[in-house]
Amino acid sequence: MGCFSFMCKVTGEPALSSSFNGSPVHLFLLKDGKVIEHMYGNYDSYGRVFTKDGMDKTPPESMEWKLDWGGCCDLIFSGKKSDGIAVIHADYWKEGDPFPVEQSEDDPNQGWGEKKRPHKRILEPFHKLY
Protein backbone atom coordinates (compact mmCIF):
# COMPACT_ATOMS: atom_id res chain seq x y z
CA MET A 1 0.00 0.00 0.00
CA GLY A 2 1.41 3.41 -0.94
CA CYS A 3 1.58 6.41 1.36
CA PHE A 4 -1.27 8.88 1.36
CA SER A 5 -2.47 11.68 3.51
CA PHE A 6 -5.23 14.18 4.10
CA MET A 7 -5.55 17.89 4.78
CA CYS A 8 -6.62 19.08 8.24
CA LYS A 9 -10.25 20.26 8.32
CA VAL A 10 -9.25 23.26 10.50
CA THR A 11 -5.78 24.39 9.41
CA GLY A 12 -5.81 23.25 5.79
CA GLU A 13 -2.34 21.76 6.38
CA PRO A 14 -1.49 18.12 5.62
CA ALA A 15 -1.10 15.31 8.12
CA LEU A 16 2.59 14.58 7.59
CA SER A 17 4.51 11.38 8.24
CA SER A 18 7.87 9.84 7.44
CA SER A 19 6.26 6.42 8.09
CA PHE A 20 8.33 6.39 11.33
CA ASN A 21 7.11 9.65 12.93
CA GLY A 22 4.12 11.80 12.14
CA SER A 23 1.90 14.75 12.86
CA PRO A 24 -0.21 14.47 16.03
CA VAL A 25 -3.77 14.12 14.70
CA HIS A 26 -7.33 13.05 15.30
CA LEU A 27 -8.63 10.75 12.53
CA PHE A 28 -12.37 10.33 12.17
CA LEU A 29 -13.79 7.54 10.01
CA LEU A 30 -17.11 8.77 8.59
CA LYS A 31 -20.07 6.95 7.13
CA ASP A 32 -23.04 9.05 5.95
CA GLY A 33 -21.71 12.07 7.87
CA LYS A 34 -21.46 10.20 11.19
CA VAL A 35 -18.24 9.28 12.99
CA ILE A 36 -18.05 5.50 13.34
CA GLU A 37 -14.45 5.30 14.59
CA HIS A 38 -11.93 7.80 16.00
CA MET A 39 -8.14 7.48 16.31
CA TYR A 40 -5.76 9.88 18.04
CA GLY A 41 -1.99 9.74 17.83
CA ASN A 42 0.94 10.31 15.48
CA TYR A 43 0.02 9.86 11.81
CA ASP A 44 1.59 6.76 10.18
CA SER A 45 1.36 7.62 6.42
CA TYR A 46 -1.35 5.02 5.83
CA GLY A 47 -4.63 6.41 7.21
CA ARG A 48 -3.96 5.32 10.81
CA VAL A 49 -1.91 6.32 13.85
CA PHE A 50 0.96 4.57 15.56
CA THR A 51 0.38 2.49 18.68
CA LYS A 52 1.83 3.77 21.97
CA ASP A 53 5.28 2.31 21.32
CA GLY A 54 4.81 1.73 17.59
CA MET A 55 7.33 4.33 16.42
CA ASP A 56 10.04 2.49 18.41
CA LYS A 57 9.45 -0.87 16.70
CA THR A 58 10.91 -2.26 13.50
CA PRO A 59 8.80 -2.30 11.48
CA PRO A 60 6.67 0.44 13.08
CA GLU A 61 3.32 -0.68 14.53
CA SER A 62 0.00 1.07 13.91
CA MET A 63 -3.51 0.82 15.26
CA GLU A 64 -6.07 -0.88 13.01
CA TRP A 65 -9.57 0.29 12.20
CA LYS A 66 -12.29 -2.13 13.31
CA LEU A 67 -13.74 -1.81 9.81
CA ASP A 68 -11.47 -3.83 7.52
CA TRP A 69 -9.16 -1.81 5.27
CA GLY A 70 -11.19 -2.64 2.15
CA GLY A 71 -14.27 -1.16 3.83
CA CYS A 72 -12.30 1.95 4.83
CA CYS A 73 -11.15 2.40 1.23
CA ASP A 74 -14.74 1.96 0.02
CA LEU A 75 -15.70 4.88 2.28
CA ILE A 76 -12.69 7.01 1.32
CA PHE A 77 -13.37 6.57 -2.40
CA SER A 78 -17.19 6.42 -2.32
CA GLY A 79 -17.46 9.82 -4.02
CA LYS A 80 -19.57 11.10 -1.11
CA LYS A 81 -18.12 13.91 1.03
CA SER A 82 -19.98 12.43 4.02
CA ASP A 83 -17.89 9.22 3.83
CA GLY A 84 -14.16 8.71 4.40
CA ILE A 85 -11.51 10.01 6.78
CA ALA A 86 -11.54 13.48 8.30
CA VAL A 87 -8.31 14.73 9.88
CA ILE A 88 -7.87 17.45 12.48
CA HIS A 89 -4.45 18.34 13.90
CA ALA A 90 -4.32 17.44 17.61
CA ASP A 91 -4.08 21.04 18.85
CA TYR A 92 -7.32 21.99 17.09
CA TRP A 93 -9.83 19.44 18.43
CA LYS A 94 -10.70 18.36 21.98
CA GLU A 95 -13.29 16.04 23.50
CA GLY A 96 -16.68 17.74 23.39
CA ASP A 97 -15.98 19.66 20.18
CA PRO A 98 -18.31 18.85 17.28
CA PHE A 99 -17.27 15.93 15.10
CA PRO A 100 -16.54 16.63 11.45
CA VAL A 101 -19.27 15.55 9.03
CA GLU A 102 -17.27 15.58 5.77
CA GLN A 103 -14.04 13.88 4.76
CA SER A 104 -10.77 15.79 4.43
CA GLU A 105 -9.31 16.74 1.08
CA ASP A 106 -6.48 14.53 -0.19
CA ASP A 107 -2.93 15.78 0.30
CA PRO A 108 -1.29 15.92 -3.15
CA ASN A 109 2.14 15.37 -1.50
CA GLN A 110 0.97 12.17 0.27
CA GLY A 111 2.14 13.41 3.67
CA TRP A 112 5.66 14.28 2.52
CA GLY A 113 5.31 18.09 2.34
CA GLU A 114 7.09 20.81 4.25
CA LYS A 115 6.76 20.46 8.03
CA LYS A 116 5.29 23.64 9.53
CA ARG A 117 4.76 22.42 13.09
CA PRO A 118 6.79 20.07 15.34
CA HIS A 119 5.90 16.39 15.54
CA LYS A 120 5.40 16.04 19.27
CA ARG A 121 5.00 12.46 20.41
CA ILE A 122 1.52 11.48 21.63
CA LEU A 123 2.03 9.48 24.81
CA GLU A 124 -1.48 8.04 25.03
CA PRO A 125 -2.85 7.36 21.55
CA PHE A 126 -6.34 5.84 21.39
CA HIS A 127 -8.95 4.26 19.13
CA LYS A 128 -12.69 4.58 19.89
CA LEU A 129 -15.77 3.08 18.27
CA TYR A 130 -19.10 4.91 18.09
C-alpha atoms as a PDB file:
ATOM      1  CA  MET A   1       0.000   0.000   0.000  1.00  0.00           C
ATOM      2  CA  GLY A   2       1.409   3.409  -0.944  1.00  0.00           C
ATOM      3  CA  CYS A   3       1.584   6.414   1.364  1.00  0.00           C
ATOM      4  CA  PHE A   4      -1.267   8.877   1.359  1.00  0.00           C
ATOM      5  CA  SER A   5      -2.469  11.681   3.514  1.00  0.00           C
ATOM      6  CA  PHE A   6      -5.229  14.185   4.100  1.00  0.00           C
ATOM      7  CA  MET A   7      -5.548  17.890   4.780  1.00  0.00           C
ATOM      8  CA  CYS A   8      -6.624  19.077   8.241  1.00  0.00           C
ATOM      9  CA  LYS A   9     -10.254  20.259   8.324  1.00  0.00           C
ATOM     10  CA  VAL A  10      -9.255  23.262  10.504  1.00  0.00           C
ATOM     11  CA  THR A  11      -5.778  24.387   9.415  1.00  0.00           C
ATOM     12  CA  GLY A  12      -5.809  23.245   5.786  1.00  0.00           C
ATOM     13  CA  GLU A  13      -2.338  21.762   6.380  1.00  0.00           C
ATOM     14  CA  PRO A  14      -1.486  18.122   5.622  1.00  0.00           C
ATOM     15  CA  ALA A  15      -1.100  15.307   8.117  1.00  0.00           C
ATOM     16  CA  LEU A  16       2.594  14.582   7.593  1.00  0.00           C
ATOM     17  CA  SER A  17       4.509  11.384   8.239  1.00  0.00           C
ATOM     18  CA  SER A  18       7.872   9.844   7.441  1.00  0.00           C
ATOM     19  CA  SER A  19       6.261   6.423   8.091  1.00  0.00           C
ATOM     20  CA  PHE A  20       8.331   6.390  11.326  1.00  0.00           C
ATOM     21  CA  ASN A  21       7.108   9.647  12.926  1.00  0.00           C
ATOM     22  CA  GLY A  22       4.121  11.803  12.138  1.00  0.00           C
ATOM     23  CA  SER A  23       1.895  14.752  12.863  1.00  0.00           C
ATOM     24  CA  PRO A  24      -0.213  14.470  16.033  1.00  0.00           C
ATOM     25  CA  VAL A  25      -3.767  14.123  14.700  1.00  0.00           C
ATOM     26  CA  HIS A  26      -7.326  13.050  15.296  1.00  0.00           C
ATOM     27  CA  LEU A  27      -8.626  10.753  12.531  1.00  0.00           C
ATOM     28  CA  PHE A  28     -12.374  10.330  12.171  1.00  0.00           C
ATOM     29  CA  LEU A  29     -13.786   7.537  10.014  1.00  0.00           C
ATOM     30  CA  LEU A  30     -17.106   8.765   8.592  1.00  0.00           C
ATOM     31  CA  LYS A  31     -20.074   6.950   7.130  1.00  0.00           C
ATOM     32  CA  ASP A  32     -23.039   9.053   5.954  1.00  0.00           C
ATOM     33  CA  GLY A  33     -21.708  12.073   7.871  1.00  0.00           C
ATOM     34  CA  LYS A  34     -21.463  10.198  11.192  1.00  0.00           C
ATOM     35  CA  VAL A  35     -18.239   9.279  12.987  1.00  0.00           C
ATOM     36  CA  ILE A  36     -18.055   5.499  13.338  1.00  0.00           C
ATOM     37  CA  GLU A  37     -14.449   5.304  14.589  1.00  0.00           C
ATOM     38  CA  HIS A  38     -11.927   7.800  16.000  1.00  0.00           C
ATOM     39  CA  MET A  39      -8.143   7.478  16.311  1.00  0.00           C
ATOM     40  CA  TYR A  40      -5.765   9.885  18.038  1.00  0.00           C
ATOM     41  CA  GLY A  41      -1.989   9.744  17.834  1.00  0.00           C
ATOM     42  CA  ASN A  42       0.936  10.306  15.484  1.00  0.00           C
ATOM     43  CA  TYR A  43       0.025   9.856  11.806  1.00  0.00           C
ATOM     44  CA  ASP A  44       1.588   6.765  10.178  1.00  0.00           C
ATOM     45  CA  SER A  45       1.364   7.620   6.416  1.00  0.00           C
ATOM     46  CA  TYR A  46      -1.351   5.017   5.828  1.00  0.00           C
ATOM     47  CA  GLY A  47      -4.628   6.412   7.208  1.00  0.00           C
ATOM     48  CA  ARG A  48      -3.964   5.324  10.808  1.00  0.00           C
ATOM     49  CA  VAL A  49      -1.912   6.324  13.849  1.00  0.00           C
ATOM     50  CA  PHE A  50       0.961   4.571  15.564  1.00  0.00           C
ATOM     51  CA  THR A  51       0.381   2.492  18.684  1.00  0.00           C
ATOM     52  CA  LYS A  52       1.826   3.772  21.972  1.00  0.00           C
ATOM     53  CA  ASP A  53       5.281   2.306  21.317  1.00  0.00           C
ATOM     54  CA  GLY A  54       4.806   1.727  17.590  1.00  0.00           C
ATOM     55  CA  MET A  55       7.326   4.326  16.421  1.00  0.00           C
ATOM     56  CA  ASP A  56      10.041   2.490  18.410  1.00  0.00           C
ATOM     57  CA  LYS A  57       9.445  -0.868  16.701  1.00  0.00           C
ATOM     58  CA  THR A  58      10.914  -2.262  13.497  1.00  0.00           C
ATOM     59  CA  PRO A  59       8.796  -2.302  11.481  1.00  0.00           C
ATOM     60  CA  PRO A  60       6.669   0.441  13.075  1.00  0.00           C
ATOM     61  CA  GLU A  61       3.322  -0.677  14.530  1.00  0.00           C
ATOM     62  CA  SER A  62       0.001   1.066  13.909  1.00  0.00           C
ATOM     63  CA  MET A  63      -3.512   0.817  15.259  1.00  0.00           C
ATOM     64  CA  GLU A  64      -6.067  -0.875  13.012  1.00  0.00           C
ATOM     65  CA  TRP A  65      -9.571   0.289  12.196  1.00  0.00           C
ATOM     66  CA  LYS A  66     -12.288  -2.134  13.313  1.00  0.00           C
ATOM     67  CA  LEU A  67     -13.739  -1.813   9.812  1.00  0.00           C
ATOM     68  CA  ASP A  68     -11.468  -3.829   7.516  1.00  0.00           C
ATOM     69  CA  TRP A  69      -9.163  -1.813   5.268  1.00  0.00           C
ATOM     70  CA  GLY A  70     -11.186  -2.636   2.149  1.00  0.00           C
ATOM     71  CA  GLY A  71     -14.269  -1.165   3.827  1.00  0.00           C
ATOM     72  CA  CYS A  72     -12.303   1.945   4.835  1.00  0.00           C
ATOM     73  CA  CYS A  73     -11.151   2.397   1.226  1.00  0.00           C
ATOM     74  CA  ASP A  74     -14.742   1.959   0.019  1.00  0.00           C
ATOM     75  CA  LEU A  75     -15.698   4.877   2.275  1.00  0.00           C
ATOM     76  CA  ILE A  76     -12.690   7.014   1.320  1.00  0.00           C
ATOM     77  CA  PHE A  77     -13.369   6.566  -2.400  1.00  0.00           C
ATOM     78  CA  SER A  78     -17.192   6.415  -2.316  1.00  0.00           C
ATOM     79  CA  GLY A  79     -17.462   9.818  -4.016  1.00  0.00           C
ATOM     80  CA  LYS A  80     -19.566  11.100  -1.110  1.00  0.00           C
ATOM     81  CA  LYS A  81     -18.116  13.911   1.034  1.00  0.00           C
ATOM     82  CA  SER A  82     -19.980  12.431   4.016  1.00  0.00           C
ATOM     83  CA  ASP A  83     -17.888   9.224   3.834  1.00  0.00           C
ATOM     84  CA  GLY A  84     -14.162   8.707   4.405  1.00  0.00           C
ATOM     85  CA  ILE A  85     -11.506  10.012   6.783  1.00  0.00           C
ATOM     86  CA  ALA A  86     -11.542  13.483   8.304  1.00  0.00           C
ATOM     87  CA  VAL A  87      -8.308  14.734   9.878  1.00  0.00           C
ATOM     88  CA  ILE A  88      -7.868  17.453  12.478  1.00  0.00           C
ATOM     89  CA  HIS A  89      -4.447  18.338  13.903  1.00  0.00           C
ATOM     90  CA  ALA A  90      -4.318  17.440  17.608  1.00  0.00           C
ATOM     91  CA  ASP A  91      -4.078  21.036  18.852  1.00  0.00           C
ATOM     92  CA  TYR A  92      -7.316  21.985  17.085  1.00  0.00           C
ATOM     93  CA  TRP A  93      -9.827  19.439  18.434  1.00  0.00           C
ATOM     94  CA  LYS A  94     -10.702  18.364  21.984  1.00  0.00           C
ATOM     95  CA  GLU A  95     -13.293  16.037  23.505  1.00  0.00           C
ATOM     96  CA  GLY A  96     -16.679  17.738  23.391  1.00  0.00           C
ATOM     97  CA  ASP A  97     -15.977  19.663  20.181  1.00  0.00           C
ATOM     98  CA  PRO A  98     -18.309  18.852  17.277  1.00  0.00           C
ATOM     99  CA  PHE A  99     -17.275  15.925  15.103  1.00  0.00           C
ATOM    100  CA  PRO A 100     -16.538  16.631  11.451  1.00  0.00           C
ATOM    101  CA  VAL A 101     -19.269  15.550   9.029  1.00  0.00           C
ATOM    102  CA  GLU A 102     -17.274  15.579   5.771  1.00  0.00           C
ATOM    103  CA  GLN A 103     -14.038  13.883   4.757  1.00  0.00           C
ATOM    104  CA  SER A 104     -10.774  15.794   4.429  1.00  0.00           C
ATOM    105  CA  GLU A 105      -9.310  16.743   1.076  1.00  0.00           C
ATOM    106  CA  ASP A 106      -6.479  14.528  -0.188  1.00  0.00           C
ATOM    107  CA  ASP A 107      -2.928  15.782   0.304  1.00  0.00           C
ATOM    108  CA  PRO A 108      -1.293  15.921  -3.148  1.00  0.00           C
ATOM    109  CA  ASN A 109       2.140  15.365  -1.505  1.00  0.00           C
ATOM    110  CA  GLN A 110       0.970  12.173   0.270  1.00  0.00           C
ATOM    111  CA  GLY A 111       2.139  13.406   3.671  1.00  0.00           C
ATOM    112  CA  TRP A 112       5.665  14.276   2.522  1.00  0.00           C
ATOM    113  CA  GLY A 113       5.307  18.086   2.341  1.00  0.00           C
ATOM    114  CA  GLU A 114       7.089  20.812   4.251  1.00  0.00           C
ATOM    115  CA  LYS A 115       6.757  20.458   8.026  1.00  0.00           C
ATOM    116  CA  LYS A 116       5.291  23.643   9.530  1.00  0.00           C
ATOM    117  CA  ARG A 117       4.759  22.423  13.092  1.00  0.00           C
ATOM    118  CA  PRO A 118       6.792  20.073  15.340  1.00  0.00           C
ATOM    119  CA  HIS A 119       5.903  16.390  15.536  1.00  0.00           C
ATOM    120  CA  LYS A 120       5.404  16.038  19.270  1.00  0.00           C
ATOM    121  CA  ARG A 121       4.995  12.465  20.411  1.00  0.00           C
ATOM    122  CA  ILE A 122       1.518  11.478  21.627  1.00  0.00           C
ATOM    123  CA  LEU A 123       2.031   9.476  24.811  1.00  0.00           C
ATOM    124  CA  GLU A 124      -1.481   8.036  25.029  1.00  0.00           C
ATOM    125  CA  PRO A 125      -2.850   7.360  21.548  1.00  0.00           C
ATOM    126  CA  PHE A 126      -6.341   5.841  21.388  1.00  0.00           C
ATOM    127  CA  HIS A 127      -8.946   4.261  19.134  1.00  0.00           C
ATOM    128  CA  LYS A 128     -12.687   4.584  19.895  1.00  0.00           C
ATOM    129  CA  LEU A 129     -15.769   3.076  18.273  1.00  0.00           C
ATOM    130  CA  TYR A 130     -19.099   4.907  18.089  1.00  0.00           C
END
